């Protein structure tokens, strides 16, 4: 079995500074990070460099998708892709950033998603996301800030197709927002059934609380090793 730790975090544009966010993330020793609100390439690159991780992101001169996937050696990013979701007038552009990640005989697909603040848009977008990922190689992880609670329509839609890692093996209440006094569980990791979850929890150290307006979700996973 291949074991890995996955961290899902809305980093709030690295407003606390890439080094400060990296110091908070490093204490959790993640193998894979799915991040939202990365905003600026130079901040993301500095964060990745400090973490010693390879990065695939959706930032570009036009049509940027501010999500990213990072992998720590011996895990590596084999290939990556990004795709926008349907635009909504007056709202921020959303999209999917995904990477095929490998180590030895193990492979997985990891997708970083950040849904918006409009109820109707979230439902439309999550359906687009699951359509986009329907043919992606498995095992598959989908993580990010979905901006709604577990009993809301968009989360229920994706939870009917992939399992919610926190619901399966979560410790504590699971709230991630706002960071200083969290009262909403809006950050998630979903996975296909060929992934085993040992433990899922929310980071709560003072360094983490000071690094972003969200707390990160952390999941310890196991994958079958073998050809993909």
C-alpha atoms as a PDB file:
ATOM      1  CA  UNK A   1       0.000   0.000   0.000  1.00  0.00           C
ATOM      2  CA  UNK A   2       1.144   3.553  -0.736  1.00  0.00           C
ATOM      3  CA  UNK A   3       0.411   6.005   2.054  1.00  0.00           C
ATOM      4  CA  UNK A   4       0.093   9.751   1.652  1.00  0.00           C
ATOM      5  CA  UNK A   5      -1.131  12.774   3.545  1.00  0.00           C
ATOM      6  CA  UNK A   6      -3.326  15.248   1.669  1.00  0.00           C
ATOM      7  CA  UNK A   7      -3.888  18.839   2.777  1.00  0.00           C
ATOM      8  CA  UNK A   8      -6.824  20.909   1.429  1.00  0.00           C
ATOM      9  CA  UNK A   9      -6.559  24.632   2.128  1.00  0.00           C
ATOM     10  CA  UNK A  10      -7.959  27.973   1.010  1.00  0.00           C
ATOM     11  CA  UNK A  11      -4.842  30.097   1.539  1.00  0.00           C
ATOM     12  CA  UNK A  12      -6.590  33.490   1.178  1.00  0.00           C
ATOM     13  CA  UNK A  13      -4.268  34.742  -1.547  1.00  0.00           C
ATOM     14  CA  UNK A  14      -1.200  34.112   0.675  1.00  0.00           C
ATOM     15  CA  UNK A  15      -2.014  37.436   2.341  1.00  0.00           C
ATOM     16  CA  UNK A  16      -0.179  36.287   5.454  1.00  0.00           C
ATOM     17  CA  UNK A  17       2.888  35.774   3.233  1.00  0.00           C
ATOM     18  CA  UNK A  18       4.037  32.632   1.377  1.00  0.00           C
ATOM     19  CA  UNK A  19       6.710  31.845   3.972  1.00  0.00           C
ATOM     20  CA  UNK A  20       4.263  32.083   6.868  1.00  0.00           C
ATOM     21  CA  UNK A  21       1.712  29.872   5.116  1.00  0.00           C
ATOM     22  CA  UNK A  22       4.482  27.404   4.205  1.00  0.00           C
ATOM     23  CA  UNK A  23       5.720  27.262   7.799  1.00  0.00           C
ATOM     24  CA  UNK A  24       2.188  26.444   8.975  1.00  0.00           C
ATOM     25  CA  UNK A  25       1.683  23.823   6.260  1.00  0.00           C
ATOM     26  CA  UNK A  26       5.113  22.239   6.790  1.00  0.00           C
ATOM     27  CA  UNK A  27       4.268  21.288  10.378  1.00  0.00           C
ATOM     28  CA  UNK A  28       1.656  18.908   8.923  1.00  0.00           C
ATOM     29  CA  UNK A  29       4.131  17.203   6.516  1.00  0.00           C
ATOM     30  CA  UNK A  30       1.747  16.851   3.524  1.00  0.00           C
ATOM     31  CA  UNK A  31       2.622  14.781   0.462  1.00  0.00           C
ATOM     32  CA  UNK A  32      -0.075  16.435  -1.648  1.00  0.00           C
ATOM     33  CA  UNK A  33      -1.707  19.872  -1.273  1.00  0.00           C
ATOM     34  CA  UNK A  34      -4.877  21.102  -2.968  1.00  0.00           C
ATOM     35  CA  UNK A  35      -5.068  24.876  -2.602  1.00  0.00           C
ATOM     36  CA  UNK A  36      -7.592  27.601  -3.446  1.00  0.00           C
ATOM     37  CA  UNK A  37      -7.252  31.384  -3.774  1.00  0.00           C
ATOM     38  CA  UNK A  38      -3.579  31.316  -4.767  1.00  0.00           C
ATOM     39  CA  UNK A  39      -4.048  34.528  -6.835  1.00  0.00           C
ATOM     40  CA  UNK A  40      -0.437  35.441  -7.684  1.00  0.00           C
ATOM     41  CA  UNK A  41       2.043  33.148  -9.409  1.00  0.00           C
ATOM     42  CA  UNK A  42       5.069  34.550  -7.610  1.00  0.00           C
ATOM     43  CA  UNK A  43       3.492  33.890  -4.215  1.00  0.00           C
ATOM     44  CA  UNK A  44       2.515  30.362  -5.209  1.00  0.00           C
ATOM     45  CA  UNK A  45       5.976  29.638  -6.621  1.00  0.00           C
ATOM     46  CA  UNK A  46       7.629  30.923  -3.462  1.00  0.00           C
ATOM     47  CA  UNK A  47       5.301  28.790  -1.337  1.00  0.00           C
ATOM     48  CA  UNK A  48       6.092  25.716  -3.467  1.00  0.00           C
ATOM     49  CA  UNK A  49       9.829  26.391  -3.280  1.00  0.00           C
ATOM     50  CA  UNK A  50       9.794  26.741   0.508  1.00  0.00           C
ATOM     51  CA  UNK A  51       7.713  23.550   0.767  1.00  0.00           C
ATOM     52  CA  UNK A  52      10.051  21.688  -1.618  1.00  0.00           C
ATOM     53  CA  UNK A  53       7.071  20.706  -3.759  1.00  0.00           C
ATOM     54  CA  UNK A  54       6.263  20.550  -7.462  1.00  0.00           C
ATOM     55  CA  UNK A  55       3.234  22.604  -8.504  1.00  0.00           C
ATOM     56  CA  UNK A  56       0.599  22.653 -11.241  1.00  0.00           C
ATOM     57  CA  UNK A  57      -1.696  25.693 -11.269  1.00  0.00           C
ATOM     58  CA  UNK A  58      -4.394  27.382 -13.308  1.00  0.00           C
ATOM     59  CA  UNK A  59      -2.951  30.898 -13.300  1.00  0.00           C
ATOM     60  CA  UNK A  60      -2.441  32.571 -16.659  1.00  0.00           C
ATOM     61  CA  UNK A  61      -2.419  36.013 -18.217  1.00  0.00           C
ATOM     62  CA  UNK A  62      -6.109  35.665 -19.102  1.00  0.00           C
ATOM     63  CA  UNK A  63      -8.826  33.426 -17.714  1.00  0.00           C
ATOM     64  CA  UNK A  64      -6.919  32.526 -14.558  1.00  0.00           C
ATOM     65  CA  UNK A  65      -8.178  29.777 -12.262  1.00  0.00           C
ATOM     66  CA  UNK A  66      -6.582  30.453  -8.841  1.00  0.00           C
ATOM     67  CA  UNK A  67      -6.345  26.828  -7.710  1.00  0.00           C
ATOM     68  CA  UNK A  68      -3.300  24.544  -7.599  1.00  0.00           C
ATOM     69  CA  UNK A  69      -2.073  21.015  -6.898  1.00  0.00           C
ATOM     70  CA  UNK A  70       1.317  20.489  -5.223  1.00  0.00           C
ATOM     71  CA  UNK A  71       3.238  17.238  -4.746  1.00  0.00           C
ATOM     72  CA  UNK A  72       6.251  16.431  -2.581  1.00  0.00           C
ATOM     73  CA  UNK A  73       8.946  13.960  -3.746  1.00  0.00           C
ATOM     74  CA  UNK A  74       8.924  11.032  -4.152  1.00  0.00           C
ATOM     75  CA  UNK A  75       5.447  11.915  -5.441  1.00  0.00           C
ATOM     76  CA  UNK A  76       5.619  13.849  -8.703  1.00  0.00           C
ATOM     77  CA  UNK A  77       3.220  15.525 -11.097  1.00  0.00           C
ATOM     78  CA  UNK A  78       3.099  13.429 -14.262  1.00  0.00           C
ATOM     79  CA  UNK A  79       0.734  15.737 -16.135  1.00  0.00           C
ATOM     80  CA  UNK A  80      -1.800  18.460 -15.379  1.00  0.00           C
ATOM     81  CA  UNK A  81      -4.753  20.269 -16.883  1.00  0.00           C
ATOM     82  CA  UNK A  82      -7.095  23.127 -16.086  1.00  0.00           C
ATOM     83  CA  UNK A  83     -10.614  23.913 -17.277  1.00  0.00           C
ATOM     84  CA  UNK A  84     -12.921  26.868 -16.618  1.00  0.00           C
ATOM     85  CA  UNK A  85     -16.490  26.438 -15.420  1.00  0.00           C
ATOM     86  CA  UNK A  86     -19.375  28.294 -17.022  1.00  0.00           C
ATOM     87  CA  UNK A  87     -19.118  32.034 -16.259  1.00  0.00           C
ATOM     88  CA  UNK A  88     -21.762  33.872 -14.254  1.00  0.00           C
ATOM     89  CA  UNK A  89     -22.152  37.594 -14.916  1.00  0.00           C
ATOM     90  CA  UNK A  90     -20.839  39.705 -12.062  1.00  0.00           C
ATOM     91  CA  UNK A  91     -19.200  36.787 -10.221  1.00  0.00           C
ATOM     92  CA  UNK A  92     -15.606  35.513 -10.100  1.00  0.00           C
ATOM     93  CA  UNK A  93     -14.588  32.992 -12.742  1.00  0.00           C
ATOM     94  CA  UNK A  94     -14.333  29.432 -11.384  1.00  0.00           C
ATOM     95  CA  UNK A  95     -12.608  26.330 -12.675  1.00  0.00           C
ATOM     96  CA  UNK A  96     -10.968  22.974 -12.069  1.00  0.00           C
ATOM     97  CA  UNK A  97      -7.208  22.421 -11.767  1.00  0.00           C
ATOM     98  CA  UNK A  98      -6.221  18.751 -11.874  1.00  0.00           C
ATOM     99  CA  UNK A  99      -3.012  16.730 -11.945  1.00  0.00           C
ATOM    100  CA  UNK A 100      -2.013  13.129 -12.454  1.00  0.00           C
ATOM    101  CA  UNK A 101       0.350  12.342  -9.587  1.00  0.00           C
ATOM    102  CA  UNK A 102       2.628   9.312  -9.342  1.00  0.00           C
ATOM    103  CA  UNK A 103       5.122   7.548  -7.125  1.00  0.00           C
ATOM    104  CA  UNK A 104       6.684   4.208  -8.022  1.00  0.00           C
ATOM    105  CA  UNK A 105       3.821   1.938  -9.034  1.00  0.00           C
ATOM    106  CA  UNK A 106       1.094   4.221  -7.692  1.00  0.00           C
ATOM    107  CA  UNK A 107      -0.909   6.817  -9.597  1.00  0.00           C
ATOM    108  CA  UNK A 108      -3.802   9.067  -8.663  1.00  0.00           C
ATOM    109  CA  UNK A 109      -5.723  12.009 -10.099  1.00  0.00           C
ATOM    110  CA  UNK A 110      -6.131  15.043  -7.837  1.00  0.00           C
ATOM    111  CA  UNK A 111      -8.444  17.967  -8.611  1.00  0.00           C
ATOM    112  CA  UNK A 112      -8.610  21.320  -6.812  1.00  0.00           C
ATOM    113  CA  UNK A 113     -11.981  23.098  -6.947  1.00  0.00           C
ATOM    114  CA  UNK A 114     -13.332  26.300  -5.408  1.00  0.00           C
ATOM    115  CA  UNK A 115     -17.070  26.929  -5.754  1.00  0.00           C
ATOM    116  CA  UNK A 116     -18.643  30.372  -5.509  1.00  0.00           C
ATOM    117  CA  UNK A 117     -21.059  32.204  -3.247  1.00  0.00           C
ATOM    118  CA  UNK A 118     -24.196  31.821  -5.411  1.00  0.00           C
ATOM    119  CA  UNK A 119     -26.389  28.831  -4.517  1.00  0.00           C
ATOM    120  CA  UNK A 120     -27.555  28.255  -8.078  1.00  0.00           C
ATOM    121  CA  UNK A 121     -24.089  28.642  -9.555  1.00  0.00           C
ATOM    122  CA  UNK A 122     -22.641  26.095  -7.125  1.00  0.00           C
ATOM    123  CA  UNK A 123     -25.174  23.468  -8.183  1.00  0.00           C
ATOM    124  CA  UNK A 124     -24.517  24.099 -11.872  1.00  0.00           C
ATOM    125  CA  UNK A 125     -20.764  24.098 -11.363  1.00  0.00           C
ATOM    126  CA  UNK A 126     -20.562  20.930  -9.293  1.00  0.00           C
ATOM    127  CA  UNK A 127     -22.434  19.103 -12.048  1.00  0.00           C
ATOM    128  CA  UNK A 128     -19.890  20.402 -14.552  1.00  0.00           C
ATOM    129  CA  UNK A 129     -17.076  19.270 -12.259  1.00  0.00           C
ATOM    130  CA  UNK A 130     -18.363  15.713 -11.957  1.00  0.00           C
ATOM    131  CA  UNK A 131     -18.937  15.566 -15.727  1.00  0.00           C
ATOM    132  CA  UNK A 132     -15.357  16.734 -16.352  1.00  0.00           C
ATOM    133  CA  UNK A 133     -13.925  14.156 -13.959  1.00  0.00           C
ATOM    134  CA  UNK A 134     -16.130  11.253 -15.029  1.00  0.00           C
ATOM    135  CA  UNK A 135     -13.474   9.885 -17.375  1.00  0.00           C
ATOM    136  CA  UNK A 136     -10.431  10.789 -15.268  1.00  0.00           C
ATOM    137  CA  UNK A 137      -8.121   7.907 -14.293  1.00  0.00           C
ATOM    138  CA  UNK A 138      -8.678   6.573 -10.812  1.00  0.00           C
ATOM    139  CA  UNK A 139      -8.025   6.677  -7.901  1.00  0.00           C
ATOM    140  CA  UNK A 140      -9.458  10.192  -7.846  1.00  0.00           C
ATOM    141  CA  UNK A 141      -9.394  12.933  -5.199  1.00  0.00           C
ATOM    142  CA  UNK A 142     -11.457  16.124  -5.388  1.00  0.00           C
ATOM    143  CA  UNK A 143     -10.819  18.796  -2.800  1.00  0.00           C
ATOM    144  CA  UNK A 144     -11.449  22.423  -2.064  1.00  0.00           C
ATOM    145  CA  UNK A 145     -13.607  25.161  -0.607  1.00  0.00           C
ATOM    146  CA  UNK A 146     -17.191  24.456  -1.687  1.00  0.00           C
ATOM    147  CA  UNK A 147     -18.715  27.373   0.252  1.00  0.00           C
ATOM    148  CA  UNK A 148     -21.609  25.362   1.680  1.00  0.00           C
ATOM    149  CA  UNK A 149     -22.465  22.860   4.408  1.00  0.00           C
ATOM    150  CA  UNK A 150     -22.623  19.063   4.008  1.00  0.00           C
ATOM    151  CA  UNK A 151     -26.430  19.025   3.737  1.00  0.00           C
ATOM    152  CA  UNK A 152     -26.564  21.640   0.934  1.00  0.00           C
ATOM    153  CA  UNK A 153     -27.358  20.654  -2.690  1.00  0.00           C
ATOM    154  CA  UNK A 154     -23.934  20.996  -4.360  1.00  0.00           C
ATOM    155  CA  UNK A 155     -22.122  19.054  -1.628  1.00  0.00           C
ATOM    156  CA  UNK A 156     -24.814  16.369  -1.621  1.00  0.00           C
ATOM    157  CA  UNK A 157     -24.463  16.064  -5.406  1.00  0.00           C
ATOM    158  CA  UNK A 158     -20.744  15.327  -5.265  1.00  0.00           C
ATOM    159  CA  UNK A 159     -21.099  13.185  -2.117  1.00  0.00           C
ATOM    160  CA  UNK A 160     -23.503  10.930  -4.035  1.00  0.00           C
ATOM    161  CA  UNK A 161     -20.697  10.221  -6.526  1.00  0.00           C
ATOM    162  CA  UNK A 162     -17.554  10.223  -4.368  1.00  0.00           C
ATOM    163  CA  UNK A 163     -17.257   9.696  -0.646  1.00  0.00           C
ATOM    164  CA  UNK A 164     -16.636  12.521   1.810  1.00  0.00           C
ATOM    165  CA  UNK A 165     -13.338  11.733   3.570  1.00  0.00           C
ATOM    166  CA  UNK A 166     -14.288  13.598   6.727  1.00  0.00           C
ATOM    167  CA  UNK A 167     -17.692  11.938   6.952  1.00  0.00           C
ATOM    168  CA  UNK A 168     -15.963   8.557   6.665  1.00  0.00           C
ATOM    169  CA  UNK A 169     -13.065   9.027   9.095  1.00  0.00           C
ATOM    170  CA  UNK A 170     -13.268  12.493  10.601  1.00  0.00           C
ATOM    171  CA  UNK A 171     -12.037  13.543  14.026  1.00  0.00           C
ATOM    172  CA  UNK A 172     -13.785  16.412  15.793  1.00  0.00           C
ATOM    173  CA  UNK A 173     -16.523  18.649  14.376  1.00  0.00           C
ATOM    174  CA  UNK A 174     -14.725  19.419  11.101  1.00  0.00           C
ATOM    175  CA  UNK A 175     -15.438  23.164  10.875  1.00  0.00           C
ATOM    176  CA  UNK A 176     -12.862  25.095   8.846  1.00  0.00           C
ATOM    177  CA  UNK A 177     -14.243  28.643   8.573  1.00  0.00           C
ATOM    178  CA  UNK A 178     -13.636  31.256   9.841  1.00  0.00           C
ATOM    179  CA  UNK A 179     -10.195  30.233  11.018  1.00  0.00           C
ATOM    180  CA  UNK A 180     -10.206  31.956  14.394  1.00  0.00           C
ATOM    181  CA  UNK A 181     -13.587  30.620  15.513  1.00  0.00           C
ATOM    182  CA  UNK A 182     -14.714  28.074  12.945  1.00  0.00           C
ATOM    183  CA  UNK A 183     -18.416  27.328  12.781  1.00  0.00           C
ATOM    184  CA  UNK A 184     -18.866  26.089   9.190  1.00  0.00           C
ATOM    185  CA  UNK A 185     -17.632  22.911   7.505  1.00  0.00           C
ATOM    186  CA  UNK A 186     -17.139  24.180   3.949  1.00  0.00           C
ATOM    187  CA  UNK A 187     -13.751  22.670   2.952  1.00  0.00           C
ATOM    188  CA  UNK A 188     -13.812  19.067   1.724  1.00  0.00           C
ATOM    189  CA  UNK A 189     -11.910  16.139   0.309  1.00  0.00           C
ATOM    190  CA  UNK A 190     -13.843  13.582  -1.739  1.00  0.00           C
ATOM    191  CA  UNK A 191     -12.445  10.318  -3.058  1.00  0.00           C
ATOM    192  CA  UNK A 192     -13.333   7.281  -5.114  1.00  0.00           C
ATOM    193  CA  UNK A 193     -13.897   3.954  -3.390  1.00  0.00           C
ATOM    194  CA  UNK A 194     -10.434   2.645  -4.298  1.00  0.00           C
ATOM    195  CA  UNK A 195      -8.954   5.057  -1.716  1.00  0.00           C
ATOM    196  CA  UNK A 196      -8.808   4.079   1.956  1.00  0.00           C
ATOM    197  CA  UNK A 197      -9.040   6.842   4.560  1.00  0.00           C
ATOM    198  CA  UNK A 198      -7.269   6.278   7.853  1.00  0.00           C
ATOM    199  CA  UNK A 199      -7.898   9.649   9.440  1.00  0.00           C
ATOM    200  CA  UNK A 200      -9.241  13.111   8.581  1.00  0.00           C
ATOM    201  CA  UNK A 201      -8.926  16.178  10.799  1.00  0.00           C
ATOM    202  CA  UNK A 202      -8.724  19.976  10.787  1.00  0.00           C
ATOM    203  CA  UNK A 203      -5.463  21.774  11.562  1.00  0.00           C
ATOM    204  CA  UNK A 204      -5.735  24.046  14.585  1.00  0.00           C
ATOM    205  CA  UNK A 205      -2.288  25.227  15.667  1.00  0.00           C
ATOM    206  CA  UNK A 206      -1.784  28.971  16.328  1.00  0.00           C
ATOM    207  CA  UNK A 207       0.445  29.160  13.227  1.00  0.00           C
ATOM    208  CA  UNK A 208      -2.298  27.679  11.054  1.00  0.00           C
ATOM    209  CA  UNK A 209      -4.991  29.939  12.483  1.00  0.00           C
ATOM    210  CA  UNK A 210      -2.853  33.011  11.734  1.00  0.00           C
ATOM    211  CA  UNK A 211      -1.960  31.943   8.173  1.00  0.00           C
ATOM    212  CA  UNK A 212      -5.380  32.158   6.461  1.00  0.00           C
ATOM    213  CA  UNK A 213      -9.075  32.836   7.007  1.00  0.00           C
ATOM    214  CA  UNK A 214      -9.715  29.074   6.598  1.00  0.00           C
ATOM    215  CA  UNK A 215      -8.258  26.151   8.520  1.00  0.00           C
ATOM    216  CA  UNK A 216      -6.879  23.288   6.432  1.00  0.00           C
ATOM    217  CA  UNK A 217      -8.408  19.841   6.148  1.00  0.00           C
ATOM    218  CA  UNK A 218      -5.896  16.982   6.418  1.00  0.00           C
ATOM    219  CA  UNK A 219      -6.466  13.367   5.361  1.00  0.00           C
ATOM    220  CA  UNK A 220      -4.215  10.329   5.772  1.00  0.00           C
ATOM    221  CA  UNK A 221      -4.872   7.947   2.879  1.00  0.00           C
ATOM    222  CA  UNK A 222      -3.799   4.569   1.533  1.00  0.00           C
ATOM    223  CA  UNK A 223      -3.703   3.515  -2.112  1.00  0.00           C
ATOM    224  CA  UNK A 224      -3.156   0.104  -3.644  1.00  0.00           C
ATOM    225  CA  UNK A 225       0.241  -0.031  -5.354  1.00  0.00           C
ATOM    226  CA  UNK A 226       0.301  -1.520  -8.827  1.00  0.00           C
ATOM    227  CA  UNK A 227       0.072  -0.649 -12.501  1.00  0.00           C
ATOM    228  CA  UNK A 228      -2.392   2.055 -13.536  1.00  0.00           C
END
